[in-house]
Amino acid sequence: MSLPTASARVACFVIDSVARSLLELKERGINLPLSFNLNGFDMLEPAVKNKLKLVANQLGENVNLLEIELTEAETSLHVDNIAAHRKHTALSQVVRLRHCC
C-alpha cells in the first residue's frame, strides 16, 4: 500500500477539521451546513475515500450538513482522466454533469 500524497494528507486534515466544526456547532444548537473544497484527484485517493467513509459513519444523519465542492479548475481540465478512474458515486455524478453541460 502506498503512502498518501501530500495533497491527500491535507484533504484528510480538512475533512477532519470541518467534521469537528460541524459537531461543535451542533452541540451549540446550530444546524448549519458546512462546505469545503476538495481537488477532484484527491477523491480518488484511498486515504481520502477512507476518511470520508469514517467521517460519514461518525456524523450519522448529520452527514447531510457536509457539502463537498470539487475544485473546478482541476476537475474540468482533467475530467476524462478522472472519469477513467472513477470509483466513487458522487464523483461519477459530477463527471456525468460535466459532460452534459
N, C-alpha and C. Protein backbone atom coordinates (compact mmCIF):
# COMPACT_ATOMS: atom_id res chain seq x y z
N MET A 1 0.84 -1.18 0.00
CA MET A 1 0.00 0.00 0.00
C MET A 1 0.89 1.24 0.00
N SER A 2 0.61 2.18 -0.89
CA SER A 2 1.43 3.38 -0.99
C SER A 2 0.99 4.42 0.04
N LEU A 3 1.91 5.29 0.35
CA LEU A 3 1.62 6.37 1.29
C LEU A 3 0.75 7.42 0.61
N PRO A 4 -0.12 8.07 1.38
CA PRO A 4 -0.94 9.13 0.79
C PRO A 4 -0.08 10.29 0.29
N THR A 5 -0.53 10.93 -0.75
CA THR A 5 0.17 12.11 -1.26
C THR A 5 0.02 13.25 -0.26
N ALA A 6 0.85 14.27 -0.41
CA ALA A 6 0.75 15.44 0.46
C ALA A 6 -0.63 16.08 0.33
N SER A 7 -1.14 16.13 -0.88
CA SER A 7 -2.46 16.69 -1.13
C SER A 7 -3.54 15.88 -0.41
N ALA A 8 -3.42 14.57 -0.44
CA ALA A 8 -4.40 13.71 0.24
C ALA A 8 -4.33 13.90 1.75
N ARG A 9 -3.13 14.08 2.29
CA ARG A 9 -2.99 14.32 3.73
C ARG A 9 -3.65 15.63 4.13
N VAL A 10 -3.48 16.65 3.30
CA VAL A 10 -4.14 17.94 3.57
C VAL A 10 -5.66 17.78 3.47
N ALA A 11 -6.13 17.05 2.47
CA ALA A 11 -7.56 16.82 2.32
C ALA A 11 -8.14 16.12 3.54
N CYS A 12 -7.43 15.12 4.05
CA CYS A 12 -7.90 14.41 5.25
C CYS A 12 -7.95 15.34 6.46
N PHE A 13 -6.96 16.22 6.57
CA PHE A 13 -6.95 17.19 7.66
C PHE A 13 -8.16 18.12 7.56
N VAL A 14 -8.45 18.59 6.34
CA VAL A 14 -9.59 19.48 6.12
C VAL A 14 -10.89 18.77 6.45
N ILE A 15 -11.03 17.54 6.00
CA ILE A 15 -12.25 16.76 6.28
C ILE A 15 -12.45 16.62 7.79
N ASP A 16 -11.39 16.26 8.52
CA ASP A 16 -11.47 16.14 9.98
C ASP A 16 -11.86 17.47 10.62
N SER A 17 -11.24 18.55 10.17
CA SER A 17 -11.49 19.87 10.75
C SER A 17 -12.94 20.31 10.53
N VAL A 18 -13.43 20.11 9.34
CA VAL A 18 -14.81 20.50 9.03
C VAL A 18 -15.80 19.64 9.82
N ALA A 19 -15.54 18.35 9.90
CA ALA A 19 -16.44 17.47 10.66
C ALA A 19 -16.45 17.85 12.14
N ARG A 20 -15.28 18.15 12.68
CA ARG A 20 -15.19 18.56 14.08
C ARG A 20 -15.95 19.88 14.31
N SER A 21 -15.79 20.83 13.39
CA SER A 21 -16.51 22.10 13.49
C SER A 21 -18.02 21.89 13.41
N LEU A 22 -18.44 21.00 12.53
CA LEU A 22 -19.86 20.70 12.39
C LEU A 22 -20.43 20.16 13.70
N LEU A 23 -19.72 19.23 14.33
CA LEU A 23 -20.18 18.66 15.59
C LEU A 23 -20.19 19.70 16.71
N GLU A 24 -19.21 20.58 16.73
CA GLU A 24 -19.18 21.64 17.74
C GLU A 24 -20.36 22.59 17.58
N LEU A 25 -20.68 22.92 16.35
CA LEU A 25 -21.85 23.77 16.09
C LEU A 25 -23.14 23.08 16.50
N LYS A 26 -23.25 21.79 16.17
CA LYS A 26 -24.45 21.03 16.54
C LYS A 26 -24.64 21.01 18.06
N GLU A 27 -23.53 20.87 18.81
CA GLU A 27 -23.60 20.86 20.28
C GLU A 27 -24.12 22.18 20.81
N ARG A 28 -23.90 23.26 20.07
CA ARG A 28 -24.38 24.59 20.47
C ARG A 28 -25.78 24.88 19.92
N GLY A 29 -26.37 23.89 19.27
CA GLY A 29 -27.71 24.05 18.73
C GLY A 29 -27.77 24.75 17.38
N ILE A 30 -26.64 24.81 16.71
CA ILE A 30 -26.58 25.47 15.41
C ILE A 30 -26.51 24.40 14.33
N ASN A 31 -27.55 24.34 13.50
CA ASN A 31 -27.60 23.39 12.38
C ASN A 31 -27.26 24.14 11.11
N LEU A 32 -26.00 24.20 10.82
CA LEU A 32 -25.51 24.97 9.69
C LEU A 32 -24.73 24.07 8.74
N PRO A 33 -25.14 24.03 7.47
CA PRO A 33 -24.35 23.24 6.51
C PRO A 33 -22.96 23.86 6.35
N LEU A 34 -21.96 23.02 6.26
CA LEU A 34 -20.60 23.48 6.03
C LEU A 34 -20.10 22.88 4.72
N SER A 35 -19.51 23.72 3.91
CA SER A 35 -18.96 23.23 2.65
C SER A 35 -17.45 23.40 2.67
N PHE A 36 -16.79 22.54 1.92
CA PHE A 36 -15.34 22.62 1.79
C PHE A 36 -14.94 22.11 0.41
N ASN A 37 -13.79 22.56 -0.02
CA ASN A 37 -13.30 22.20 -1.35
C ASN A 37 -12.35 21.02 -1.28
N LEU A 38 -12.47 20.16 -2.26
CA LEU A 38 -11.51 19.07 -2.46
C LEU A 38 -11.11 19.06 -3.93
N ASN A 39 -9.88 18.72 -4.16
CA ASN A 39 -9.39 18.50 -5.51
C ASN A 39 -10.03 17.20 -6.02
N GLY A 40 -10.48 17.20 -7.26
CA GLY A 40 -11.11 16.01 -7.83
C GLY A 40 -10.21 14.78 -7.77
N PHE A 41 -8.92 14.98 -7.92
CA PHE A 41 -8.00 13.86 -7.86
C PHE A 41 -7.88 13.30 -6.45
N ASP A 42 -8.04 14.17 -5.44
CA ASP A 42 -8.00 13.68 -4.06
C ASP A 42 -9.12 12.69 -3.78
N MET A 43 -10.24 12.86 -4.46
CA MET A 43 -11.38 11.95 -4.27
C MET A 43 -11.04 10.53 -4.72
N LEU A 44 -10.00 10.39 -5.52
CA LEU A 44 -9.59 9.07 -5.98
C LEU A 44 -8.58 8.42 -5.05
N GLU A 45 -8.03 9.19 -4.12
CA GLU A 45 -7.03 8.68 -3.20
C GLU A 45 -7.68 7.78 -2.14
N PRO A 46 -7.16 6.59 -1.94
CA PRO A 46 -7.74 5.68 -0.94
C PRO A 46 -7.81 6.31 0.46
N ALA A 47 -6.82 7.06 0.86
CA ALA A 47 -6.83 7.68 2.19
C ALA A 47 -8.00 8.65 2.33
N VAL A 48 -8.27 9.41 1.28
CA VAL A 48 -9.37 10.38 1.31
C VAL A 48 -10.72 9.66 1.30
N LYS A 49 -10.84 8.65 0.46
CA LYS A 49 -12.09 7.88 0.43
C LYS A 49 -12.37 7.24 1.78
N ASN A 50 -11.33 6.67 2.39
CA ASN A 50 -11.50 6.06 3.71
C ASN A 50 -11.86 7.09 4.76
N LYS A 51 -11.23 8.27 4.71
CA LYS A 51 -11.54 9.34 5.66
C LYS A 51 -12.98 9.79 5.51
N LEU A 52 -13.46 9.93 4.27
CA LEU A 52 -14.84 10.33 4.04
C LEU A 52 -15.82 9.30 4.60
N LYS A 53 -15.52 8.02 4.40
CA LYS A 53 -16.38 6.96 4.93
C LYS A 53 -16.40 7.00 6.46
N LEU A 54 -15.23 7.16 7.06
CA LEU A 54 -15.13 7.22 8.51
C LEU A 54 -15.92 8.40 9.08
N VAL A 55 -15.74 9.56 8.50
CA VAL A 55 -16.44 10.77 8.95
C VAL A 55 -17.95 10.61 8.74
N ALA A 56 -18.35 10.04 7.62
CA ALA A 56 -19.78 9.82 7.37
C ALA A 56 -20.39 8.92 8.45
N ASN A 57 -19.67 7.88 8.83
CA ASN A 57 -20.16 6.99 9.89
C ASN A 57 -20.20 7.71 11.23
N GLN A 58 -19.20 8.54 11.51
CA GLN A 58 -19.16 9.27 12.77
C GLN A 58 -20.28 10.30 12.87
N LEU A 59 -20.58 10.95 11.76
CA LEU A 59 -21.59 12.00 11.77
C LEU A 59 -23.01 11.47 11.71
N GLY A 60 -23.18 10.26 11.20
CA GLY A 60 -24.52 9.70 11.10
C GLY A 60 -25.41 10.57 10.23
N GLU A 61 -26.60 10.89 10.74
CA GLU A 61 -27.55 11.69 9.96
C GLU A 61 -27.07 13.13 9.75
N ASN A 62 -26.11 13.58 10.54
CA ASN A 62 -25.58 14.93 10.36
C ASN A 62 -24.69 15.06 9.13
N VAL A 63 -24.36 13.95 8.51
CA VAL A 63 -23.50 13.99 7.32
C VAL A 63 -24.15 14.80 6.21
N ASN A 64 -25.47 14.92 6.22
CA ASN A 64 -26.15 15.69 5.18
C ASN A 64 -25.86 17.19 5.29
N LEU A 65 -25.22 17.60 6.37
CA LEU A 65 -24.84 19.01 6.52
C LEU A 65 -23.46 19.31 5.93
N LEU A 66 -22.75 18.28 5.49
CA LEU A 66 -21.46 18.47 4.84
C LEU A 66 -21.65 18.59 3.33
N GLU A 67 -21.05 19.59 2.76
CA GLU A 67 -21.12 19.80 1.32
C GLU A 67 -19.70 19.81 0.75
N ILE A 68 -19.43 18.89 -0.14
CA ILE A 68 -18.11 18.81 -0.77
C ILE A 68 -18.19 19.49 -2.12
N GLU A 69 -17.31 20.46 -2.32
CA GLU A 69 -17.21 21.14 -3.60
C GLU A 69 -15.89 20.71 -4.25
N LEU A 70 -15.98 20.17 -5.44
CA LEU A 70 -14.77 19.79 -6.16
C LEU A 70 -14.20 21.03 -6.84
N THR A 71 -12.91 21.23 -6.68
CA THR A 71 -12.30 22.41 -7.29
C THR A 71 -12.45 22.34 -8.79
N GLU A 72 -13.02 23.40 -9.33
CA GLU A 72 -13.43 23.41 -10.74
C GLU A 72 -12.27 23.32 -11.71
N ALA A 73 -11.22 24.06 -11.47
CA ALA A 73 -10.12 24.10 -12.44
C ALA A 73 -9.51 22.71 -12.65
N GLU A 74 -9.17 22.05 -11.58
CA GLU A 74 -8.55 20.72 -11.69
C GLU A 74 -9.52 19.72 -12.31
N THR A 75 -10.75 19.75 -11.85
CA THR A 75 -11.73 18.77 -12.31
C THR A 75 -12.07 18.97 -13.78
N SER A 76 -12.29 20.21 -14.19
CA SER A 76 -12.68 20.44 -15.58
C SER A 76 -11.53 20.22 -16.55
N LEU A 77 -10.31 20.47 -16.12
CA LEU A 77 -9.18 20.27 -17.01
C LEU A 77 -8.90 18.79 -17.26
N HIS A 78 -9.23 17.95 -16.30
CA HIS A 78 -8.86 16.54 -16.38
C HIS A 78 -10.07 15.61 -16.23
N VAL A 79 -11.23 16.05 -16.67
CA VAL A 79 -12.44 15.27 -16.45
C VAL A 79 -12.35 13.88 -17.07
N ASP A 80 -11.69 13.75 -18.21
CA ASP A 80 -11.58 12.43 -18.83
C ASP A 80 -10.69 11.51 -18.01
N ASN A 81 -9.60 12.04 -17.45
CA ASN A 81 -8.74 11.23 -16.59
C ASN A 81 -9.48 10.79 -15.33
N ILE A 82 -10.23 11.72 -14.77
CA ILE A 82 -10.98 11.39 -13.56
C ILE A 82 -12.04 10.34 -13.90
N ALA A 83 -12.72 10.52 -15.03
CA ALA A 83 -13.75 9.56 -15.42
C ALA A 83 -13.17 8.17 -15.58
N ALA A 84 -11.96 8.09 -16.09
CA ALA A 84 -11.33 6.79 -16.30
C ALA A 84 -11.03 6.08 -14.99
N HIS A 85 -10.89 6.82 -13.92
CA HIS A 85 -10.55 6.24 -12.63
C HIS A 85 -11.68 6.32 -11.61
N ARG A 86 -12.85 6.73 -12.02
CA ARG A 86 -13.91 6.96 -11.04
C ARG A 86 -14.33 5.67 -10.37
N LYS A 87 -14.47 5.77 -9.07
CA LYS A 87 -14.94 4.64 -8.30
C LYS A 87 -15.93 5.11 -7.25
N HIS A 88 -16.06 6.41 -7.12
CA HIS A 88 -16.89 6.99 -6.08
C HIS A 88 -18.16 7.51 -6.72
N THR A 89 -19.31 7.18 -6.20
CA THR A 89 -20.59 7.52 -6.81
C THR A 89 -20.75 9.02 -7.00
N ALA A 90 -20.41 9.81 -6.01
CA ALA A 90 -20.57 11.26 -6.13
C ALA A 90 -19.69 11.80 -7.25
N LEU A 91 -18.48 11.32 -7.34
CA LEU A 91 -17.59 11.77 -8.40
C LEU A 91 -18.13 11.35 -9.76
N SER A 92 -18.70 10.18 -9.86
CA SER A 92 -19.29 9.72 -11.12
C SER A 92 -20.40 10.67 -11.55
N GLN A 93 -21.20 11.13 -10.60
CA GLN A 93 -22.30 12.06 -10.92
C GLN A 93 -21.74 13.38 -11.41
N VAL A 94 -20.67 13.88 -10.79
CA VAL A 94 -20.06 15.12 -11.23
C VAL A 94 -19.54 14.98 -12.64
N VAL A 95 -18.90 13.87 -12.94
CA VAL A 95 -18.37 13.64 -14.28
C VAL A 95 -19.50 13.63 -15.29
N ARG A 96 -20.62 12.96 -14.99
CA ARG A 96 -21.76 12.93 -15.92
C ARG A 96 -22.31 14.34 -16.12
N LEU A 97 -22.41 15.13 -15.04
CA LEU A 97 -22.91 16.50 -15.18
C LEU A 97 -21.98 17.33 -16.04
N ARG A 98 -20.70 17.15 -15.87
CA ARG A 98 -19.72 17.93 -16.64
C ARG A 98 -19.85 17.63 -18.13
N HIS A 99 -20.08 16.38 -18.49
CA HIS A 99 -20.19 16.02 -19.90
C HIS A 99 -21.49 16.49 -20.52
N CYS A 100 -22.52 16.66 -19.74
CA CYS A 100 -23.80 17.05 -20.33
C CYS A 100 -23.96 18.57 -20.44
N CYS A 101 -23.14 19.32 -19.76
CA CYS A 101 -23.32 20.79 -19.74
C CYS A 101 -22.28 21.53 -20.54
